[in-house]
Amino acid sequence: MERAQECDLARTPRWIADEERRRAERRRGLLARPSAPDWLIERGLSGQEAVYVHVGGCWNAGQRSGRVDREHARRALADGVKACPQCRPDTAFGFMDG
């Protein structure tokens, strides 16, 4: 019984050190994560044509979405690329429906 408790006590500092190391790694990972883009363009299945313009962080942006700058997003909307109906990037640029 005493031997088992001594083994548990010997493991405790290693467990604490491992947990602190994991927390530090998580913090470093969060700090190294790139910032969310302001604008996204979603491509079609072929990867060529633009299908939707999204506000960065839109929950509806597909996996084929790529980061673009504000001017590129505005130009795409002006050229007829559809605005995502959920995040409505067209309203940020003052585009009117119809």
C-alpha atoms as a PDB file:
ATOM      1  CA  MET A   1       0.000   0.000   0.000  1.00  0.00           C
ATOM      2  CA  GLU A   2       2.738   2.444   0.976  1.00  0.00           C
ATOM      3  CA  ARG A   3       4.763   1.524  -2.119  1.00  0.00           C
ATOM      4  CA  ALA A   4       1.807   2.303  -4.403  1.00  0.00           C
ATOM      5  CA  GLN A   5       1.383   5.729  -2.843  1.00  0.00           C
ATOM      6  CA  GLU A   6       5.105   6.456  -3.249  1.00  0.00           C
ATOM      7  CA  CYS A   7       4.851   5.572  -6.954  1.00  0.00           C
ATOM      8  CA  ASP A   8       1.843   7.861  -7.356  1.00  0.00           C
ATOM      9  CA  LEU A   9       3.695  10.682  -5.636  1.00  0.00           C
ATOM     10  CA  ALA A  10       6.707  10.166  -7.912  1.00  0.00           C
ATOM     11  CA  ARG A  11       4.477  10.383 -11.006  1.00  0.00           C
ATOM     12  CA  THR A  12       2.749  13.591  -9.949  1.00  0.00           C
ATOM     13  CA  PRO A  13       5.573  16.047 -10.847  1.00  0.00           C
ATOM     14  CA  ARG A  14       5.943  14.391 -14.280  1.00  0.00           C
ATOM     15  CA  TRP A  15       2.199  14.656 -14.849  1.00  0.00           C
ATOM     16  CA  ILE A  16       2.220  18.346 -13.895  1.00  0.00           C
ATOM     17  CA  ALA A  17       5.215  19.055 -16.159  1.00  0.00           C
ATOM     18  CA  ASP A  18       3.548  17.247 -19.083  1.00  0.00           C
ATOM     19  CA  GLU A  19       0.327  19.185 -18.584  1.00  0.00           C
ATOM     20  CA  GLU A  20       2.191  22.520 -18.429  1.00  0.00           C
ATOM     21  CA  ARG A  21       4.043  21.602 -21.618  1.00  0.00           C
ATOM     22  CA  ARG A  22       0.753  20.805 -23.395  1.00  0.00           C
ATOM     23  CA  ARG A  23      -0.763  24.118 -22.300  1.00  0.00           C
ATOM     24  CA  ALA A  24       2.294  26.026 -23.529  1.00  0.00           C
ATOM     25  CA  GLU A  25       2.102  24.233 -26.898  1.00  0.00           C
ATOM     26  CA  ARG A  26      -1.598  25.125 -27.219  1.00  0.00           C
ATOM     27  CA  ARG A  27      -0.846  28.783 -26.442  1.00  0.00           C
ATOM     28  CA  ARG A  28       1.964  28.868 -29.040  1.00  0.00           C
ATOM     29  CA  GLY A  29      -0.348  27.279 -31.590  1.00  0.00           C
ATOM     30  CA  LEU A  30      -3.076  29.844 -30.981  1.00  0.00           C
ATOM     31  CA  LEU A  31      -0.610  32.724 -31.244  1.00  0.00           C
ATOM     32  CA  ALA A  32       0.860  31.331 -34.480  1.00  0.00           C
ATOM     33  CA  ARG A  33      -2.557  30.873 -36.108  1.00  0.00           C
ATOM     34  CA  PRO A  34      -3.037  33.247 -39.050  1.00  0.00           C
ATOM     35  CA  SER A  35      -5.691  35.900 -38.640  1.00  0.00           C
ATOM     36  CA  ALA A  36      -9.069  35.364 -40.252  1.00  0.00           C
ATOM     37  CA  PRO A  37      -9.333  36.911 -43.726  1.00  0.00           C
ATOM     38  CA  ASP A  38     -11.593  39.915 -44.262  1.00  0.00           C
ATOM     39  CA  TRP A  39     -12.915  38.600 -47.592  1.00  0.00           C
ATOM     40  CA  LEU A  40     -13.177  35.223 -49.327  1.00  0.00           C
ATOM     41  CA  ILE A  41     -13.928  34.098 -52.870  1.00  0.00           C
ATOM     42  CA  GLU A  42     -15.414  30.625 -53.194  1.00  0.00           C
ATOM     43  CA  ARG A  43     -14.536  28.737 -56.378  1.00  0.00           C
ATOM     44  CA  GLY A  44     -16.687  26.199 -58.198  1.00  0.00           C
ATOM     45  CA  LEU A  45     -15.924  22.502 -58.548  1.00  0.00           C
ATOM     46  CA  SER A  46     -13.535  23.128 -61.428  1.00  0.00           C
ATOM     47  CA  GLY A  47     -11.609  25.571 -59.259  1.00  0.00           C
ATOM     48  CA  GLN A  48     -11.667  28.209 -61.994  1.00  0.00           C
ATOM     49  CA  GLU A  49     -14.837  30.275 -61.817  1.00  0.00           C
ATOM     50  CA  ALA A  50     -15.789  32.301 -58.751  1.00  0.00           C
ATOM     51  CA  VAL A  51     -19.131  31.220 -57.305  1.00  0.00           C
ATOM     52  CA  TYR A  52     -19.596  33.382 -54.195  1.00  0.00           C
ATOM     53  CA  VAL A  53     -18.001  36.283 -52.369  1.00  0.00           C
ATOM     54  CA  HIS A  54     -18.015  35.907 -48.570  1.00  0.00           C
ATOM     55  CA  VAL A  55     -17.162  38.085 -45.622  1.00  0.00           C
ATOM     56  CA  GLY A  56     -14.185  36.514 -43.842  1.00  0.00           C
ATOM     57  CA  GLY A  57     -15.271  34.062 -41.167  1.00  0.00           C
ATOM     58  CA  CYS A  58     -18.581  33.268 -42.880  1.00  0.00           C
ATOM     59  CA  TRP A  59     -19.907  29.950 -41.594  1.00  0.00           C
ATOM     60  CA  ASN A  60     -21.164  29.116 -45.070  1.00  0.00           C
ATOM     61  CA  ALA A  61     -17.856  29.538 -46.928  1.00  0.00           C
ATOM     62  CA  GLY A  62     -16.877  26.253 -48.566  1.00  0.00           C
ATOM     63  CA  GLN A  63     -13.518  24.506 -48.578  1.00  0.00           C
ATOM     64  CA  ARG A  64     -12.732  25.965 -51.988  1.00  0.00           C
ATOM     65  CA  SER A  65     -12.722  29.502 -50.563  1.00  0.00           C
ATOM     66  CA  GLY A  66      -9.590  31.592 -50.705  1.00  0.00           C
ATOM     67  CA  ARG A  67      -8.516  34.805 -49.035  1.00  0.00           C
ATOM     68  CA  VAL A  68      -8.703  37.985 -51.142  1.00  0.00           C
ATOM     69  CA  ASP A  69      -8.267  41.684 -50.435  1.00  0.00           C
ATOM     70  CA  ARG A  70     -11.122  44.184 -50.240  1.00  0.00           C
ATOM     71  CA  GLU A  71     -10.643  45.512 -53.774  1.00  0.00           C
ATOM     72  CA  HIS A  72     -10.664  42.012 -55.298  1.00  0.00           C
ATOM     73  CA  ALA A  73     -13.894  41.158 -53.442  1.00  0.00           C
ATOM     74  CA  ARG A  74     -15.533  44.436 -54.510  1.00  0.00           C
ATOM     75  CA  ARG A  75     -14.485  43.918 -58.124  1.00  0.00           C
ATOM     76  CA  ALA A  76     -15.838  40.341 -58.126  1.00  0.00           C
ATOM     77  CA  LEU A  77     -19.226  41.529 -56.854  1.00  0.00           C
ATOM     78  CA  ALA A  78     -19.285  44.324 -59.459  1.00  0.00           C
ATOM     79  CA  ASP A  79     -18.453  41.762 -62.159  1.00  0.00           C
ATOM     80  CA  GLY A  80     -21.478  39.642 -61.229  1.00  0.00           C
ATOM     81  CA  VAL A  81     -20.130  37.057 -58.776  1.00  0.00           C
ATOM     82  CA  LYS A  82     -22.949  36.267 -56.352  1.00  0.00           C
ATOM     83  CA  ALA A  83     -22.832  37.532 -52.794  1.00  0.00           C
ATOM     84  CA  CYS A  84     -23.243  34.847 -50.144  1.00  0.00           C
ATOM     85  CA  PRO A  85     -26.881  35.024 -49.018  1.00  0.00           C
ATOM     86  CA  GLN A  86     -25.882  34.350 -45.385  1.00  0.00           C
ATOM     87  CA  CYS A  87     -23.088  36.846 -44.730  1.00  0.00           C
ATOM     88  CA  ARG A  88     -24.171  39.410 -47.378  1.00  0.00           C
ATOM     89  CA  PRO A  89     -20.808  40.985 -48.328  1.00  0.00           C
ATOM     90  CA  ASP A  90     -22.628  43.164 -50.875  1.00  0.00           C
ATOM     91  CA  THR A  91     -24.124  45.252 -48.082  1.00  0.00           C
ATOM     92  CA  ALA A  92     -20.640  46.138 -46.821  1.00  0.00           C
ATOM     93  CA  PHE A  93     -19.919  47.652 -50.256  1.00  0.00           C
ATOM     94  CA  GLY A  94     -23.307  49.332 -50.676  1.00  0.00           C
ATOM     95  CA  PHE A  95     -24.455  47.164 -53.579  1.00  0.00           C
ATOM     96  CA  MET A  96     -28.209  47.096 -54.051  1.00  0.00           C
ATOM     97  CA  ASP A  97     -30.270  44.011 -54.956  1.00  0.00           C
ATOM     98  CA  GLY A  98     -31.577  43.821 -58.485  1.00  0.00           C
END
